[in-house]
Amino acid sequence: MVRVETEALPLALFLALAVLFAVLGVVLLVRPGRAAAFFADEDARRPFRPRDARALGAVFALGGGVLAAVGVVRLIAVLSGG
């Protein structure tokens, strides 16, 4: 049997990290030009374009949202004793 205290903190940290990933994705989606400038590398084969930033933002927003949902469900299950 697992105690609630041993699982609640790691799940809360997982949830916080998932939300941060989702927020990063939304920022990349909202400001693709600035994100492309931030991630630009002079030595790259081709420049990091706003289109690339939007695609990366979509991946982070969707993945972070799914991970956050899984974290919330698991945290509720642990805190309810299930």
N, C-alpha and C. Protein backbone atom coordinates (compact mmCIF):
# COMPACT_ATOMS: atom_id res chain seq x y z
N MET A 1 0.84 -1.18 0.00
CA MET A 1 0.00 0.00 0.00
C MET A 1 0.89 1.24 0.00
N VAL A 2 0.55 2.20 -0.86
CA VAL A 2 1.32 3.43 -0.98
C VAL A 2 0.62 4.54 -0.21
N ARG A 3 1.42 5.26 0.57
CA ARG A 3 0.84 6.37 1.33
C ARG A 3 0.66 7.57 0.43
N VAL A 4 -0.35 8.37 0.73
CA VAL A 4 -0.65 9.55 -0.06
C VAL A 4 0.51 10.54 -0.03
N GLU A 5 1.18 10.66 1.10
CA GLU A 5 2.27 11.63 1.23
C GLU A 5 3.43 11.31 0.31
N THR A 6 3.64 10.03 0.01
CA THR A 6 4.78 9.66 -0.82
C THR A 6 4.52 9.90 -2.31
N GLU A 7 3.27 9.94 -2.73
CA GLU A 7 2.96 10.13 -4.14
C GLU A 7 2.44 11.51 -4.48
N ALA A 8 1.93 12.24 -3.52
CA ALA A 8 1.31 13.53 -3.81
C ALA A 8 2.33 14.56 -4.29
N LEU A 9 3.47 14.65 -3.65
CA LEU A 9 4.46 15.65 -4.03
C LEU A 9 5.05 15.38 -5.42
N PRO A 10 5.48 14.17 -5.73
CA PRO A 10 5.98 13.95 -7.10
C PRO A 10 4.91 14.18 -8.17
N LEU A 11 3.67 13.84 -7.88
CA LEU A 11 2.60 14.08 -8.85
C LEU A 11 2.34 15.57 -9.01
N ALA A 12 2.41 16.32 -7.93
CA ALA A 12 2.23 17.77 -8.02
C ALA A 12 3.36 18.40 -8.83
N LEU A 13 4.58 17.93 -8.65
CA LEU A 13 5.70 18.44 -9.43
C LEU A 13 5.56 18.05 -10.91
N PHE A 14 5.11 16.85 -11.18
CA PHE A 14 4.85 16.42 -12.54
C PHE A 14 3.79 17.30 -13.19
N LEU A 15 2.75 17.60 -12.44
CA LEU A 15 1.68 18.45 -12.94
C LEU A 15 2.19 19.86 -13.24
N ALA A 16 3.02 20.40 -12.35
CA ALA A 16 3.59 21.73 -12.57
C ALA A 16 4.46 21.75 -13.82
N LEU A 17 5.26 20.73 -14.02
CA LEU A 17 6.12 20.66 -15.20
C LEU A 17 5.29 20.53 -16.47
N ALA A 18 4.24 19.75 -16.43
CA ALA A 18 3.37 19.60 -17.60
C ALA A 18 2.70 20.92 -17.95
N VAL A 19 2.28 21.65 -16.94
CA VAL A 19 1.66 22.96 -17.19
C VAL A 19 2.69 23.93 -17.78
N LEU A 20 3.92 23.88 -17.30
CA LEU A 20 4.97 24.73 -17.86
C LEU A 20 5.22 24.40 -19.34
N PHE A 21 5.22 23.13 -19.69
CA PHE A 21 5.37 22.74 -21.09
C PHE A 21 4.22 23.29 -21.93
N ALA A 22 3.00 23.20 -21.41
CA ALA A 22 1.84 23.71 -22.14
C ALA A 22 1.93 25.23 -22.30
N VAL A 23 2.35 25.93 -21.26
CA VAL A 23 2.49 27.38 -21.34
C VAL A 23 3.56 27.76 -22.36
N LEU A 24 4.67 27.04 -22.37
CA LEU A 24 5.72 27.29 -23.36
C LEU A 24 5.16 27.10 -24.77
N GLY A 25 4.39 26.07 -24.96
CA GLY A 25 3.78 25.84 -26.26
C GLY A 25 2.86 26.96 -26.69
N VAL A 26 2.07 27.46 -25.76
CA VAL A 26 1.16 28.56 -26.08
C VAL A 26 1.96 29.82 -26.43
N VAL A 27 3.01 30.08 -25.69
CA VAL A 27 3.86 31.25 -25.99
C VAL A 27 4.47 31.12 -27.38
N LEU A 28 4.92 29.93 -27.73
CA LEU A 28 5.48 29.71 -29.07
C LEU A 28 4.43 29.89 -30.15
N LEU A 29 3.19 29.52 -29.86
CA LEU A 29 2.12 29.69 -30.83
C LEU A 29 1.71 31.15 -30.98
N VAL A 30 1.71 31.88 -29.88
CA VAL A 30 1.25 33.26 -29.90
C VAL A 30 2.29 34.20 -30.51
N ARG A 31 3.57 33.96 -30.23
CA ARG A 31 4.64 34.84 -30.70
C ARG A 31 5.68 34.04 -31.49
N PRO A 32 5.31 33.53 -32.66
CA PRO A 32 6.25 32.70 -33.41
C PRO A 32 7.47 33.47 -33.93
N GLY A 33 7.30 34.73 -34.27
CA GLY A 33 8.42 35.51 -34.77
C GLY A 33 9.51 35.71 -33.72
N ARG A 34 9.09 36.07 -32.52
CA ARG A 34 10.06 36.26 -31.44
C ARG A 34 10.68 34.93 -31.01
N ALA A 35 9.88 33.87 -31.03
CA ALA A 35 10.42 32.56 -30.66
C ALA A 35 11.44 32.10 -31.70
N ALA A 36 11.18 32.36 -32.96
CA ALA A 36 12.13 31.98 -34.00
C ALA A 36 13.43 32.75 -33.84
N ALA A 37 13.33 34.02 -33.49
CA ALA A 37 14.54 34.81 -33.27
C ALA A 37 15.31 34.30 -32.05
N PHE A 38 14.59 33.86 -31.03
CA PHE A 38 15.24 33.34 -29.83
C PHE A 38 15.98 32.04 -30.10
N PHE A 39 15.38 31.15 -30.89
CA PHE A 39 15.97 29.85 -31.16
C PHE A 39 16.91 29.87 -32.37
N ALA A 40 17.09 31.01 -33.02
CA ALA A 40 17.92 31.09 -34.21
C ALA A 40 19.37 30.74 -33.88
N ASP A 41 20.00 30.06 -34.83
CA ASP A 41 21.39 29.67 -34.68
C ASP A 41 22.12 30.04 -35.97
N GLU A 42 23.18 30.79 -35.84
CA GLU A 42 23.91 31.26 -37.02
C GLU A 42 24.57 30.12 -37.79
N ASP A 43 24.93 29.06 -37.12
CA ASP A 43 25.65 27.96 -37.76
C ASP A 43 24.72 26.88 -38.31
N ALA A 44 23.43 27.08 -38.23
CA ALA A 44 22.49 26.06 -38.68
C ALA A 44 22.44 26.00 -40.20
N ARG A 45 22.01 24.85 -40.73
CA ARG A 45 21.88 24.69 -42.18
C ARG A 45 20.84 25.65 -42.74
N ARG A 46 19.74 25.80 -42.04
CA ARG A 46 18.71 26.75 -42.46
C ARG A 46 18.18 27.46 -41.23
N PRO A 47 17.65 28.64 -41.39
CA PRO A 47 17.19 29.41 -40.22
C PRO A 47 15.95 28.80 -39.58
N PHE A 48 15.80 29.07 -38.30
CA PHE A 48 14.61 28.63 -37.57
C PHE A 48 13.52 29.65 -37.88
N ARG A 49 12.50 29.21 -38.57
CA ARG A 49 11.47 30.12 -39.07
C ARG A 49 10.28 30.17 -38.12
N PRO A 50 9.45 31.22 -38.24
CA PRO A 50 8.23 31.28 -37.43
C PRO A 50 7.33 30.06 -37.63
N ARG A 51 7.33 29.51 -38.82
CA ARG A 51 6.54 28.29 -39.08
C ARG A 51 7.04 27.14 -38.20
N ASP A 52 8.35 27.04 -38.06
CA ASP A 52 8.93 26.00 -37.20
C ASP A 52 8.54 26.23 -35.74
N ALA A 53 8.53 27.49 -35.33
CA ALA A 53 8.16 27.82 -33.95
C ALA A 53 6.70 27.46 -33.69
N ARG A 54 5.83 27.71 -34.66
CA ARG A 54 4.42 27.35 -34.49
C ARG A 54 4.25 25.84 -34.37
N ALA A 55 4.97 25.08 -35.19
CA ALA A 55 4.88 23.62 -35.13
C ALA A 55 5.39 23.11 -33.78
N LEU A 56 6.51 23.65 -33.34
CA LEU A 56 7.05 23.25 -32.04
C LEU A 56 6.11 23.65 -30.91
N GLY A 57 5.51 24.83 -31.04
CA GLY A 57 4.55 25.29 -30.04
C GLY A 57 3.32 24.39 -29.97
N ALA A 58 2.85 23.94 -31.11
CA ALA A 58 1.70 23.04 -31.12
C ALA A 58 2.02 21.73 -30.43
N VAL A 59 3.22 21.22 -30.66
CA VAL A 59 3.63 19.97 -30.02
C VAL A 59 3.71 20.15 -28.50
N PHE A 60 4.34 21.23 -28.06
CA PHE A 60 4.47 21.46 -26.63
C PHE A 60 3.11 21.73 -25.98
N ALA A 61 2.26 22.53 -26.63
CA ALA A 61 0.95 22.84 -26.05
C ALA A 61 0.08 21.59 -25.95
N LEU A 62 0.05 20.81 -27.01
CA LEU A 62 -0.76 19.59 -27.00
C LEU A 62 -0.20 18.55 -26.03
N GLY A 63 1.09 18.32 -26.11
CA GLY A 63 1.71 17.33 -25.21
C GLY A 63 1.62 17.75 -23.76
N GLY A 64 1.89 19.02 -23.47
CA GLY A 64 1.80 19.50 -22.10
C GLY A 64 0.37 19.43 -21.57
N GLY A 65 -0.59 19.74 -22.43
CA GLY A 65 -1.99 19.64 -22.01
C GLY A 65 -2.41 18.22 -21.69
N VAL A 66 -1.97 17.29 -22.52
CA VAL A 66 -2.29 15.87 -22.27
C VAL A 66 -1.62 15.39 -20.99
N LEU A 67 -0.35 15.73 -20.81
CA LEU A 67 0.34 15.33 -19.59
C LEU A 67 -0.28 15.97 -18.35
N ALA A 68 -0.72 17.21 -18.47
CA ALA A 68 -1.39 17.87 -17.33
C ALA A 68 -2.70 17.16 -17.00
N ALA A 69 -3.44 16.78 -18.01
CA ALA A 69 -4.70 16.07 -17.77
C ALA A 69 -4.44 14.73 -17.08
N VAL A 70 -3.44 14.00 -17.54
CA VAL A 70 -3.09 12.73 -16.91
C VAL A 70 -2.65 12.96 -15.47
N GLY A 71 -1.87 14.01 -15.23
CA GLY A 71 -1.42 14.33 -13.88
C GLY A 71 -2.56 14.67 -12.95
N VAL A 72 -3.53 15.43 -13.45
CA VAL A 72 -4.69 15.80 -12.62
C VAL A 72 -5.50 14.56 -12.26
N VAL A 73 -5.74 13.71 -13.24
CA VAL A 73 -6.52 12.48 -12.97
C VAL A 73 -5.80 11.61 -11.96
N ARG A 74 -4.51 11.45 -12.13
CA ARG A 74 -3.74 10.61 -11.20
C ARG A 74 -3.68 11.23 -9.81
N LEU A 75 -3.52 12.54 -9.73
CA LEU A 75 -3.47 13.22 -8.44
C LEU A 75 -4.80 13.11 -7.71
N ILE A 76 -5.89 13.24 -8.43
CA ILE A 76 -7.22 13.07 -7.83
C ILE A 76 -7.40 11.64 -7.33
N ALA A 77 -6.94 10.68 -8.12
CA ALA A 77 -7.07 9.28 -7.71
C ALA A 77 -6.25 9.00 -6.45
N VAL A 78 -5.05 9.58 -6.37
CA VAL A 78 -4.21 9.35 -5.19
C VAL A 78 -4.80 10.03 -3.97
N LEU A 79 -5.26 11.26 -4.15
CA LEU A 79 -5.79 11.99 -2.99
C LEU A 79 -7.13 11.43 -2.51
N SER A 80 -7.87 10.80 -3.40
CA SER A 80 -9.15 10.20 -2.98
C SER A 80 -8.95 8.82 -2.37
N GLY A 81 -7.73 8.34 -2.39
CA GLY A 81 -7.45 7.05 -1.75
C GLY A 81 -7.59 5.86 -2.66
N GLY A 82 -7.72 6.08 -3.96
CA GLY A 82 -7.94 4.98 -4.90
C GLY A 82 -6.73 4.47 -5.55
